[in-house]
Protein backbone atom coordinates (compact mmCIF):
# COMPACT_ATOMS: atom_id res chain seq x y z
CA MET A 1 90.00 14.05 -58.96
CA ASP A 2 92.66 11.83 -60.38
CA PHE A 3 92.89 8.23 -59.22
CA GLY A 4 96.23 6.49 -59.39
CA PRO A 5 96.52 2.76 -60.06
CA ILE A 6 96.42 1.92 -56.35
CA GLY A 7 93.39 4.11 -55.72
CA LEU A 8 91.61 2.58 -58.69
CA PHE A 9 92.44 -0.92 -57.44
CA VAL A 10 91.09 -0.07 -53.96
CA LEU A 11 87.95 1.38 -55.52
CA VAL A 12 87.33 -1.77 -57.60
CA VAL A 13 87.98 -4.12 -54.66
CA THR A 14 85.72 -2.21 -52.27
CA SER A 15 82.98 -1.97 -54.90
CA ALA A 16 83.13 -5.72 -55.51
CA ALA A 17 83.10 -6.44 -51.77
CA SER A 18 80.12 -4.13 -51.29
CA PHE A 19 78.25 -5.80 -54.15
CA LEU A 20 78.90 -9.30 -52.79
CA LEU A 21 77.93 -8.31 -49.26
CA ALA A 22 74.66 -6.78 -50.48
CA ARG A 23 73.83 -9.94 -52.47
CA TRP A 24 74.57 -12.14 -49.46
CA LEU A 25 72.42 -10.03 -47.11
CA SER A 26 69.60 -9.91 -49.66
CA LYS A 27 69.67 -13.69 -50.04
CA ARG A 28 69.56 -14.18 -46.27
CA ARG A 29 66.59 -11.83 -46.03
CA ARG A 30 64.70 -13.59 -48.86
CA ASP A 31 65.42 -17.02 -47.38
CA SER A 32 64.26 -15.88 -43.96
CA LYS A 33 61.05 -14.43 -45.39
CA ARG A 34 60.40 -17.60 -47.40
CA GLU A 35 60.91 -19.73 -44.26
CA ARG A 36 58.50 -17.56 -42.23
CA GLU A 37 55.87 -17.83 -44.97
CA ARG A 38 56.34 -21.62 -45.14
CA ARG A 39 55.92 -21.97 -41.36
CA SER A 40 52.83 -19.78 -41.41
CA GLU A 41 51.32 -21.82 -44.23
CA GLU A 42 52.02 -25.09 -42.39
CA ALA A 43 50.46 -23.70 -39.22
CA SER A 44 47.28 -22.71 -41.04
CA GLN A 45 47.10 -26.12 -42.71
CA SER A 46 47.49 -27.79 -39.33
CA ARG A 47 44.57 -25.79 -37.92
CA GLN A 48 42.42 -26.75 -40.89
CA VAL A 49 43.23 -30.43 -40.41
CA ARG A 50 42.51 -30.22 -36.68
CA ARG A 51 39.16 -28.49 -37.26
CA ALA A 52 38.14 -31.03 -39.89
CA ARG A 53 38.95 -33.85 -37.48
CA GLU A 54 36.87 -32.19 -34.71
CA ARG A 55 33.91 -31.77 -37.08
CA GLU A 56 34.16 -35.39 -38.09
CA ARG A 57 34.15 -36.53 -34.42
CA ARG A 58 31.13 -34.34 -33.58
CA GLY A 59 29.27 -35.57 -36.64
CA GLY A 60 29.97 -39.22 -35.72
CA ARG A 61 28.61 -38.85 -32.16
CA ASN A 62 25.42 -36.97 -33.07
């Protein structure tokens, strides 16, 4: 297969576009995963704080 200058240019441009698209999608996926993990961590911290508060109230009344 012999690529002419136009074919080579198209190949380079499509390769660069593919590379940039893959990087962008990968970043979105990582950011989304990081956000889910952050929300999960906050939710578990909130439960711990709520439970500690309930224990403190029960201990104060007994």
